[in-house]
Every structure is written in C-alpha cells, then in structure tokens.
Amino acid sequence: MATIKDIYDADTTGQSRSLNYRFTVDSLDDPLLLSLIELNKKQNKVWRNNCIRSRTISKSVYPHKVVTMSRGPRVAAVKRHLGINKLNDRIRRMFDQNLPRKYATSFDVYVQPDNAQWHKMNDWIESKIKDRKNWLKIKKLENDIFNIEYMDSIVGAGFKV
C-alpha cells in the first residue's frame, strides 16, 4: 500500500524538497499508482483534444507525466549485481544516481510537466499543417531519414554496427 511521506525537511524552513513528489509505493502494481497513471492519461487526452480543436497552446497549461524513482539500499544492490563482497570506492558508488528497479525496495512517485509532449504539440501548431496525423507521419519519415543518414555516417567512418 502507498505511504505518503512527510516531504518537508525539519532542518529547513518548511520548504518542500520537491513540489513534484506525491507519495511512495512498495510496488509498481500499487492501486494508488495505477489510478494516478490512469487519471494522468485521461487529463493529457483532454489537454491534447483541446489543443487540437483550438489549434492553440498555452505556456501556463502543460501535460504531465508520472515518474517513479527507485529507492533502496544501493551498496547491497551493487554487491548483488556484481556478485562480489569487497567493493572499492568507485564501484560502490555505481548505483548512486540510478538504482535499477529490480533492486528497489520502494518507489517514490512524482508528477512532472511533460515538456516533450508540449513541444511536440507546439511544433504541430506552428507547422500550419492542418491534419495532425499527416504531420506525425511526416515527422516519423524525417526521423527515419535522419537515422539512416546517421547509420551511413557511422559505417562510412569505419565503425561496425
């Protein structure tokens, strides 16, 4: 079951560590997390439909995404991951920034503005192409062409793929 932690540090003046933090769950199958994800999808769909219908976008209203951060004992996770007991200082810091989900004991849940989705919608609105589906097809083709040219440049430089 989800636990809502106290997000205020005692040593500060009551300032929140993160305005995006919502709660902590023990598993990614937690009903509270799944309902938040579902609610977020519905809200983003309403946002997208409003933008498509009006062909305008506001900088004050963003779509959001639900993000989880793995929490748990990091040094023990490194030992399990590598299968060794003695660690040097460099190796023991291996999971300091990103603990793999399979070693997590809990997950912090954050709701953040989805800038990528906002910019994608803004690019479509500024493109003057009326049909969004055609615009998405054009963007996919441009991306495919870029990837082909990039792979050709790597192979041409002597790298093996």
N, C-alpha and C. Protein backbone atom coordinates (compact mmCIF):
# COMPACT_ATOMS: atom_id res chain seq x y z
N MET A 1 0.84 -1.18 0.00
CA MET A 1 0.00 0.00 0.00
C MET A 1 0.88 1.24 0.00
N ALA A 2 0.42 2.29 -0.58
CA ALA A 2 1.18 3.53 -0.68
C ALA A 2 1.27 4.22 0.67
N THR A 3 2.42 4.81 0.90
CA THR A 3 2.59 5.62 2.10
C THR A 3 2.93 7.03 1.66
N ILE A 4 2.29 7.98 2.28
CA ILE A 4 2.58 9.36 1.96
C ILE A 4 3.57 9.88 3.00
N LYS A 5 4.79 10.14 2.53
CA LYS A 5 5.86 10.57 3.43
C LYS A 5 5.75 12.05 3.72
N ASP A 6 6.39 12.44 4.82
CA ASP A 6 6.49 13.86 5.13
C ASP A 6 7.57 14.44 4.21
N ILE A 7 7.19 15.31 3.30
CA ILE A 7 8.14 15.81 2.31
C ILE A 7 8.83 17.09 2.75
N TYR A 8 8.65 17.48 3.99
CA TYR A 8 9.28 18.69 4.47
C TYR A 8 10.46 18.34 5.36
N ASP A 9 11.60 18.95 5.09
CA ASP A 9 12.78 18.73 5.91
C ASP A 9 12.64 19.48 7.22
N ALA A 10 13.05 18.85 8.32
CA ALA A 10 13.00 19.51 9.62
C ALA A 10 14.05 20.61 9.72
N ASP A 11 15.15 20.47 8.97
CA ASP A 11 16.23 21.44 9.09
C ASP A 11 16.06 22.65 8.19
N THR A 12 14.99 22.70 7.40
CA THR A 12 14.74 23.87 6.57
C THR A 12 13.59 24.67 7.17
N THR A 13 13.18 25.65 6.48
CA THR A 13 12.08 26.50 6.97
C THR A 13 10.73 26.00 6.48
N GLY A 14 10.61 24.68 6.38
CA GLY A 14 9.35 24.11 5.92
C GLY A 14 9.21 24.07 4.42
N GLN A 15 10.31 24.29 3.71
CA GLN A 15 10.26 24.24 2.25
C GLN A 15 10.23 22.80 1.77
N SER A 16 9.46 22.54 0.76
CA SER A 16 9.35 21.20 0.20
C SER A 16 10.63 20.82 -0.53
N ARG A 17 11.04 19.56 -0.40
CA ARG A 17 12.20 19.08 -1.15
C ARG A 17 11.89 19.03 -2.63
N SER A 18 10.67 18.66 -2.97
CA SER A 18 10.26 18.60 -4.36
C SER A 18 8.76 18.87 -4.44
N LEU A 19 8.40 19.82 -5.24
CA LEU A 19 6.98 20.12 -5.41
C LEU A 19 6.29 19.04 -6.24
N ASN A 20 7.08 18.24 -6.96
CA ASN A 20 6.51 17.21 -7.82
C ASN A 20 6.25 15.89 -7.10
N TYR A 21 6.82 15.71 -5.90
CA TYR A 21 6.66 14.46 -5.15
C TYR A 21 5.20 14.27 -4.74
N ARG A 22 4.69 13.04 -4.87
CA ARG A 22 3.32 12.75 -4.47
C ARG A 22 3.26 11.75 -3.32
N PHE A 23 3.86 10.55 -3.48
CA PHE A 23 3.81 9.53 -2.44
C PHE A 23 4.82 8.44 -2.75
N THR A 24 4.94 7.47 -1.85
CA THR A 24 5.85 6.34 -2.00
C THR A 24 5.04 5.05 -2.03
N VAL A 25 5.41 4.14 -2.94
CA VAL A 25 4.75 2.85 -3.04
C VAL A 25 5.78 1.73 -2.89
N ASP A 26 5.31 0.57 -2.45
CA ASP A 26 6.19 -0.58 -2.28
C ASP A 26 6.35 -1.37 -3.58
N SER A 27 5.39 -1.23 -4.49
CA SER A 27 5.46 -1.98 -5.74
C SER A 27 4.86 -1.12 -6.86
N LEU A 28 5.26 -1.44 -8.09
CA LEU A 28 4.74 -0.69 -9.23
C LEU A 28 3.31 -1.13 -9.59
N ASP A 29 2.82 -2.15 -8.90
CA ASP A 29 1.45 -2.61 -9.12
C ASP A 29 0.48 -2.03 -8.09
N ASP A 30 0.93 -1.06 -7.32
CA ASP A 30 0.09 -0.46 -6.28
C ASP A 30 -1.14 0.20 -6.91
N PRO A 31 -2.34 -0.02 -6.36
CA PRO A 31 -3.56 0.55 -6.94
C PRO A 31 -3.55 2.09 -6.98
N LEU A 32 -2.96 2.73 -6.00
CA LEU A 32 -2.91 4.19 -5.98
C LEU A 32 -2.06 4.72 -7.14
N LEU A 33 -0.92 4.08 -7.39
CA LEU A 33 -0.06 4.47 -8.50
C LEU A 33 -0.76 4.23 -9.84
N LEU A 34 -1.38 3.07 -9.98
CA LEU A 34 -2.07 2.76 -11.24
C LEU A 34 -3.23 3.71 -11.51
N SER A 35 -3.95 4.09 -10.45
CA SER A 35 -5.05 5.04 -10.65
C SER A 35 -4.53 6.43 -11.00
N LEU A 36 -3.38 6.82 -10.43
CA LEU A 36 -2.77 8.11 -10.78
C LEU A 36 -2.34 8.11 -12.24
N ILE A 37 -1.76 7.03 -12.70
CA ILE A 37 -1.34 6.93 -14.10
C ILE A 37 -2.55 7.01 -15.03
N GLU A 38 -3.61 6.32 -14.68
CA GLU A 38 -4.83 6.34 -15.49
C GLU A 38 -5.44 7.75 -15.52
N LEU A 39 -5.50 8.39 -14.38
CA LEU A 39 -6.03 9.76 -14.31
C LEU A 39 -5.17 10.71 -15.14
N ASN A 40 -3.86 10.54 -15.08
CA ASN A 40 -2.94 11.38 -15.85
C ASN A 40 -3.16 11.19 -17.35
N LYS A 41 -3.38 9.95 -17.77
CA LYS A 41 -3.63 9.69 -19.20
C LYS A 41 -4.90 10.41 -19.66
N LYS A 42 -5.94 10.34 -18.82
CA LYS A 42 -7.20 10.99 -19.18
C LYS A 42 -7.04 12.51 -19.26
N GLN A 43 -6.32 13.09 -18.30
CA GLN A 43 -6.09 14.54 -18.29
C GLN A 43 -5.29 14.97 -19.52
N ASN A 44 -4.26 14.19 -19.87
CA ASN A 44 -3.45 14.53 -21.04
C ASN A 44 -4.25 14.41 -22.33
N LYS A 45 -5.17 13.44 -22.37
CA LYS A 45 -6.02 13.30 -23.56
C LYS A 45 -6.93 14.51 -23.71
N VAL A 46 -7.50 14.99 -22.61
CA VAL A 46 -8.33 16.20 -22.64
C VAL A 46 -7.50 17.39 -23.11
N TRP A 47 -6.27 17.51 -22.57
CA TRP A 47 -5.38 18.61 -22.97
C TRP A 47 -5.09 18.55 -24.47
N ARG A 48 -4.74 17.34 -24.96
CA ARG A 48 -4.43 17.17 -26.39
C ARG A 48 -5.64 17.52 -27.26
N ASN A 49 -6.82 17.01 -26.89
CA ASN A 49 -8.02 17.29 -27.68
C ASN A 49 -8.34 18.78 -27.71
N ASN A 50 -8.16 19.45 -26.58
CA ASN A 50 -8.40 20.90 -26.55
C ASN A 50 -7.42 21.65 -27.43
N CYS A 51 -6.17 21.23 -27.42
CA CYS A 51 -5.16 21.88 -28.27
C CYS A 51 -5.45 21.64 -29.75
N ILE A 52 -5.84 20.41 -30.08
CA ILE A 52 -6.13 20.07 -31.48
C ILE A 52 -7.36 20.83 -31.96
N ARG A 53 -8.39 20.89 -31.14
CA ARG A 53 -9.63 21.57 -31.52
C ARG A 53 -9.41 23.07 -31.71
N SER A 54 -8.67 23.68 -30.79
CA SER A 54 -8.50 25.14 -30.85
C SER A 54 -7.25 25.57 -31.65
N ARG A 55 -6.36 24.62 -31.92
CA ARG A 55 -5.07 24.90 -32.58
C ARG A 55 -4.31 26.02 -31.88
N THR A 56 -4.42 26.04 -30.56
CA THR A 56 -3.63 26.98 -29.74
C THR A 56 -3.06 26.20 -28.57
N ILE A 57 -2.01 26.77 -28.01
CA ILE A 57 -1.36 26.13 -26.86
C ILE A 57 -0.94 27.22 -25.89
N SER A 58 -1.05 26.93 -24.62
CA SER A 58 -0.73 27.91 -23.60
C SER A 58 0.53 27.47 -22.85
N LYS A 59 1.37 28.44 -22.52
CA LYS A 59 2.57 28.11 -21.74
C LYS A 59 2.25 27.86 -20.28
N SER A 60 1.05 28.21 -19.86
CA SER A 60 0.71 28.02 -18.45
C SER A 60 0.04 26.67 -18.19
N VAL A 61 -0.36 25.96 -19.24
CA VAL A 61 -1.02 24.66 -19.07
C VAL A 61 -0.18 23.61 -19.79
N TYR A 62 0.32 22.65 -19.03
CA TYR A 62 1.17 21.61 -19.57
C TYR A 62 0.53 20.24 -19.38
N PRO A 63 0.84 19.30 -20.27
CA PRO A 63 0.51 17.91 -19.96
C PRO A 63 1.49 17.43 -18.88
N HIS A 64 1.17 16.35 -18.20
CA HIS A 64 2.03 15.85 -17.13
C HIS A 64 2.39 14.40 -17.36
N LYS A 65 3.45 13.97 -16.71
CA LYS A 65 3.85 12.57 -16.75
C LYS A 65 4.10 12.09 -15.33
N VAL A 66 3.83 10.80 -15.10
CA VAL A 66 4.07 10.18 -13.80
C VAL A 66 5.42 9.48 -13.89
N VAL A 67 6.31 9.82 -12.95
CA VAL A 67 7.67 9.28 -12.93
C VAL A 67 7.91 8.59 -11.59
N THR A 68 8.57 7.42 -11.63
CA THR A 68 8.93 6.74 -10.39
C THR A 68 10.45 6.71 -10.26
N MET A 69 10.91 6.85 -9.03
CA MET A 69 12.35 6.75 -8.73
C MET A 69 12.54 5.58 -7.76
N SER A 70 13.44 4.68 -8.10
CA SER A 70 13.71 3.52 -7.26
C SER A 70 14.43 3.93 -5.99
N ARG A 71 14.02 3.34 -4.89
CA ARG A 71 14.65 3.59 -3.60
C ARG A 71 15.02 2.27 -2.96
N GLY A 72 16.11 2.27 -2.20
CA GLY A 72 16.54 1.07 -1.50
C GLY A 72 18.03 1.12 -1.21
N PRO A 73 18.55 0.07 -0.56
CA PRO A 73 19.97 0.02 -0.23
C PRO A 73 20.83 -0.14 -1.49
N ARG A 74 21.64 0.85 -1.77
CA ARG A 74 22.39 0.87 -3.02
C ARG A 74 23.65 0.02 -2.99
N VAL A 75 24.38 0.04 -1.89
CA VAL A 75 25.62 -0.74 -1.81
C VAL A 75 25.30 -2.23 -1.87
N ALA A 76 24.26 -2.66 -1.17
CA ALA A 76 23.85 -4.06 -1.21
C ALA A 76 23.43 -4.45 -2.63
N ALA A 77 22.80 -3.54 -3.35
CA ALA A 77 22.38 -3.81 -4.72
C ALA A 77 23.60 -4.00 -5.63
N VAL A 78 24.63 -3.20 -5.43
CA VAL A 78 25.86 -3.33 -6.23
C VAL A 78 26.48 -4.70 -5.97
N LYS A 79 26.53 -5.11 -4.69
CA LYS A 79 27.11 -6.41 -4.36
C LYS A 79 26.33 -7.55 -5.02
N ARG A 80 25.00 -7.46 -4.98
CA ARG A 80 24.18 -8.49 -5.62
C ARG A 80 24.35 -8.47 -7.14
N HIS A 81 24.43 -7.27 -7.70
CA HIS A 81 24.54 -7.12 -9.15
C HIS A 81 25.85 -7.70 -9.67
N LEU A 82 26.94 -7.41 -8.97
CA LEU A 82 28.25 -7.86 -9.42
C LEU A 82 28.64 -9.23 -8.87
N GLY A 83 27.95 -9.67 -7.82
CA GLY A 83 28.25 -10.96 -7.22
C GLY A 83 29.55 -10.99 -6.43
N ILE A 84 29.95 -9.84 -5.88
CA ILE A 84 31.18 -9.78 -5.08
C ILE A 84 30.88 -9.11 -3.75
N ASN A 85 31.73 -9.38 -2.76
CA ASN A 85 31.53 -8.81 -1.43
C ASN A 85 32.39 -7.60 -1.17
N LYS A 86 33.62 -7.57 -1.72
CA LYS A 86 34.54 -6.46 -1.46
C LYS A 86 34.45 -5.44 -2.59
N LEU A 87 34.17 -4.21 -2.25
CA LEU A 87 33.99 -3.17 -3.25
C LEU A 87 34.98 -2.03 -3.03
N ASN A 88 35.54 -1.52 -4.13
CA ASN A 88 36.33 -0.29 -3.98
C ASN A 88 35.39 0.90 -4.03
N ASP A 89 35.91 2.09 -3.73
CA ASP A 89 35.06 3.28 -3.62
C ASP A 89 34.33 3.61 -4.92
N ARG A 90 35.00 3.36 -6.05
CA ARG A 90 34.38 3.71 -7.32
C ARG A 90 33.21 2.77 -7.64
N ILE A 91 33.40 1.49 -7.41
CA ILE A 91 32.34 0.52 -7.72
C ILE A 91 31.17 0.67 -6.77
N ARG A 92 31.45 0.93 -5.49
CA ARG A 92 30.35 1.01 -4.52
C ARG A 92 29.42 2.18 -4.81
N ARG A 93 29.86 3.15 -5.61
CA ARG A 93 29.03 4.31 -5.97
C ARG A 93 28.27 4.08 -7.27
N MET A 94 28.30 2.87 -7.77
CA MET A 94 27.75 2.54 -9.09
C MET A 94 26.26 2.89 -9.23
N PHE A 95 25.47 2.66 -8.20
CA PHE A 95 24.03 2.92 -8.28
C PHE A 95 23.62 4.17 -7.50
N ASP A 96 24.54 5.10 -7.27
CA ASP A 96 24.20 6.30 -6.50
C ASP A 96 23.15 7.16 -7.19
N GLN A 97 23.20 7.23 -8.50
CA GLN A 97 22.25 8.10 -9.20
C GLN A 97 21.03 7.37 -9.71
N ASN A 98 21.18 6.09 -10.04
CA ASN A 98 20.06 5.37 -10.62
C ASN A 98 20.07 3.92 -10.16
N LEU A 99 19.22 3.59 -9.22
CA LEU A 99 19.08 2.22 -8.73
C LEU A 99 18.16 1.45 -9.66
N PRO A 100 18.62 0.33 -10.23
CA PRO A 100 17.75 -0.46 -11.10
C PRO A 100 16.50 -0.93 -10.36
N ARG A 101 15.40 -1.00 -11.08
CA ARG A 101 14.11 -1.34 -10.44
C ARG A 101 14.12 -2.70 -9.76
N LYS A 102 14.89 -3.64 -10.31
CA LYS A 102 14.86 -4.98 -9.71
C LYS A 102 15.48 -5.02 -8.32
N TYR A 103 16.25 -4.00 -7.93
CA TYR A 103 16.85 -3.95 -6.60
C TYR A 103 16.11 -3.00 -5.66
N ALA A 104 15.07 -2.36 -6.13
CA ALA A 104 14.35 -1.36 -5.33
C ALA A 104 13.49 -2.02 -4.26
N THR A 105 13.42 -1.37 -3.10
CA THR A 105 12.51 -1.81 -2.04
C THR A 105 11.25 -0.96 -2.01
N SER A 106 11.33 0.24 -2.60
CA SER A 106 10.16 1.11 -2.71
C SER A 106 10.40 2.08 -3.86
N PHE A 107 9.33 2.80 -4.21
CA PHE A 107 9.41 3.74 -5.33
C PHE A 107 8.76 5.05 -4.92
N ASP A 108 9.48 6.16 -5.14
CA ASP A 108 8.89 7.48 -4.94
C ASP A 108 8.18 7.86 -6.24
N VAL A 109 6.99 8.44 -6.10
CA VAL A 109 6.18 8.80 -7.27
C VAL A 109 6.15 10.32 -7.40
N TYR A 110 6.45 10.80 -8.60
CA TYR A 110 6.47 12.22 -8.91
C TYR A 110 5.55 12.48 -10.09
N VAL A 111 4.93 13.65 -10.13
CA VAL A 111 4.15 14.09 -11.29
C VAL A 111 4.82 15.36 -11.79
N GLN A 112 5.32 15.29 -13.04
CA GLN A 112 6.11 16.39 -13.60
C GLN A 112 5.49 16.88 -14.90
N PRO A 113 5.73 18.13 -15.25
CA PRO A 113 5.29 18.61 -16.56
C PRO A 113 5.99 17.81 -17.67
N ASP A 114 5.25 17.45 -18.70
CA ASP A 114 5.81 16.69 -19.82
C ASP A 114 6.17 17.68 -20.93
N ASN A 115 7.38 18.20 -20.86
CA ASN A 115 7.83 19.22 -21.81
C ASN A 115 7.92 18.67 -23.23
N ALA A 116 8.31 17.42 -23.40
CA ALA A 116 8.45 16.84 -24.73
C ALA A 116 7.09 16.82 -25.44
N GLN A 117 6.04 16.41 -24.73
CA GLN A 117 4.71 16.37 -25.31
C GLN A 117 4.22 17.78 -25.65
N TRP A 118 4.51 18.73 -24.76
CA TRP A 118 4.10 20.13 -25.00
C TRP A 118 4.78 20.67 -26.25
N HIS A 119 6.10 20.44 -26.38
CA HIS A 119 6.84 20.96 -27.53
C HIS A 119 6.40 20.29 -28.83
N LYS A 120 6.07 19.00 -28.76
CA LYS A 120 5.59 18.31 -29.95
C LYS A 120 4.28 18.92 -30.43
N MET A 121 3.38 19.21 -29.51
CA MET A 121 2.10 19.84 -29.88
C MET A 121 2.35 21.24 -30.41
N ASN A 122 3.25 21.98 -29.78
CA ASN A 122 3.57 23.34 -30.23
C ASN A 122 4.17 23.32 -31.64
N ASP A 123 5.04 22.36 -31.92
CA ASP A 123 5.63 22.25 -33.26
C ASP A 123 4.55 22.02 -34.31
N TRP A 124 3.56 21.16 -33.99
CA TRP A 124 2.48 20.91 -34.94
C TRP A 124 1.67 22.17 -35.18
N ILE A 125 1.34 22.90 -34.13
CA ILE A 125 0.53 24.11 -34.26
C ILE A 125 1.27 25.15 -35.11
N GLU A 126 2.57 25.28 -34.91
CA GLU A 126 3.36 26.25 -35.68
C GLU A 126 3.62 25.80 -37.11
N SER A 127 3.43 24.52 -37.42
CA SER A 127 3.76 23.99 -38.75
C SER A 127 2.76 24.39 -39.83
N LYS A 128 1.56 24.78 -39.45
CA LYS A 128 0.50 25.17 -40.38
C LYS A 128 -0.05 23.99 -41.19
N ILE A 129 0.33 22.76 -40.84
CA ILE A 129 -0.25 21.58 -41.47
C ILE A 129 -1.53 21.27 -40.71
N LYS A 130 -2.65 21.23 -41.43
CA LYS A 130 -3.95 21.11 -40.76
C LYS A 130 -4.16 19.75 -40.10
N ASP A 131 -3.84 18.69 -40.83
CA ASP A 131 -4.11 17.35 -40.31
C ASP A 131 -2.94 16.88 -39.46
N ARG A 132 -3.19 16.66 -38.17
CA ARG A 132 -2.13 16.27 -37.24
C ARG A 132 -1.57 14.89 -37.56
N LYS A 133 -2.42 13.97 -38.03
CA LYS A 133 -1.94 12.62 -38.36
C LYS A 133 -0.93 12.66 -39.50
N ASN A 134 -1.19 13.50 -40.50
CA ASN A 134 -0.22 13.65 -41.60
C ASN A 134 1.08 14.27 -41.09
N TRP A 135 0.97 15.24 -40.20
CA TRP A 135 2.16 15.86 -39.63
C TRP A 135 2.99 14.82 -38.86
N LEU A 136 2.32 13.95 -38.10
CA LEU A 136 3.03 12.90 -37.36
C LEU A 136 3.73 11.94 -38.32
N LYS A 137 3.09 11.62 -39.46
CA LYS A 137 3.72 10.75 -40.45
C LYS A 137 4.96 11.42 -41.04
N ILE A 138 4.85 12.71 -41.33
CA ILE A 138 6.00 13.46 -41.86
C ILE A 138 7.15 13.45 -40.86
N LYS A 139 6.84 13.69 -39.59
CA LYS A 139 7.88 13.70 -38.55
C LYS A 139 8.54 12.33 -38.43
N LYS A 140 7.75 11.27 -38.53
CA LYS A 140 8.32 9.92 -38.45
C LYS A 140 9.25 9.67 -39.62
N LEU A 141 8.85 10.08 -40.83
CA LEU A 141 9.71 9.91 -42.00
C LEU A 141 11.00 10.72 -41.87
N GLU A 142 10.89 11.95 -41.37
CA GLU A 142 12.10 12.77 -41.15
C GLU A 142 13.04 12.09 -40.17
N ASN A 143 12.48 11.50 -39.12
CA ASN A 143 13.28 10.81 -38.12
C ASN A 143 13.94 9.57 -38.73
N ASP A 144 13.20 8.83 -39.55
CA ASP A 144 13.76 7.64 -40.21
C ASP A 144 14.91 8.03 -41.15
N ILE A 145 14.74 9.11 -41.91
CA ILE A 145 15.79 9.58 -42.80
C ILE A 145 17.03 9.98 -42.01
N PHE A 146 16.83 10.68 -40.90
CA PHE A 146 17.95 11.07 -40.05
C PHE A 146 18.70 9.84 -39.54
N ASN A 147 17.95 8.83 -39.08
CA ASN A 147 18.59 7.61 -38.56
C ASN A 147 19.38 6.88 -39.64
N ILE A 148 18.84 6.82 -40.86
CA ILE A 148 19.55 6.17 -41.96
C ILE A 148 20.83 6.93 -42.28
N GLU A 149 20.74 8.26 -42.37
CA GLU A 149 21.94 9.06 -42.66
C GLU A 149 22.97 8.94 -41.54
N TYR A 150 22.51 8.88 -40.30
CA TYR A 150 23.43 8.73 -39.18
C TYR A 150 24.14 7.38 -39.24
N MET A 151 23.37 6.31 -39.50
CA MET A 151 23.98 4.98 -39.58
C MET A 151 24.97 4.91 -40.75
N ASP A 152 24.65 5.56 -41.89
CA ASP A 152 25.58 5.60 -43.02
C ASP A 152 26.86 6.32 -42.64
N SER A 153 26.75 7.40 -41.85
CA SER A 153 27.95 8.14 -41.46
C SER A 153 28.81 7.32 -40.50
N ILE A 154 28.20 6.51 -39.66
CA ILE A 154 28.97 5.67 -38.74
C ILE A 154 29.69 4.57 -39.51
N VAL A 155 28.98 3.90 -40.42
CA VAL A 155 29.59 2.83 -41.21
C VAL A 155 30.68 3.41 -42.10
N GLY A 156 30.43 4.58 -42.70
CA GLY A 156 31.41 5.24 -43.55
C GLY A 156 32.66 5.63 -42.79
N ALA A 157 32.56 5.86 -41.48
CA ALA A 157 33.71 6.24 -40.67
C ALA A 157 34.49 5.02 -40.19
N GLY A 158 34.01 3.82 -40.55
CA GLY A 158 34.75 2.62 -40.19
C GLY A 158 34.23 1.89 -38.97
N PHE A 159 33.16 2.34 -38.38
CA PHE A 159 32.58 1.63 -37.24
C PHE A 159 31.70 0.51 -37.72
N LYS A 160 31.69 -0.59 -36.99
CA LYS A 160 30.81 -1.70 -37.32
C LYS A 160 29.54 -1.58 -36.53
N VAL A 161 28.43 -1.90 -37.16
CA VAL A 161 27.14 -1.81 -36.48
C VAL A 161 26.67 -3.18 -36.06
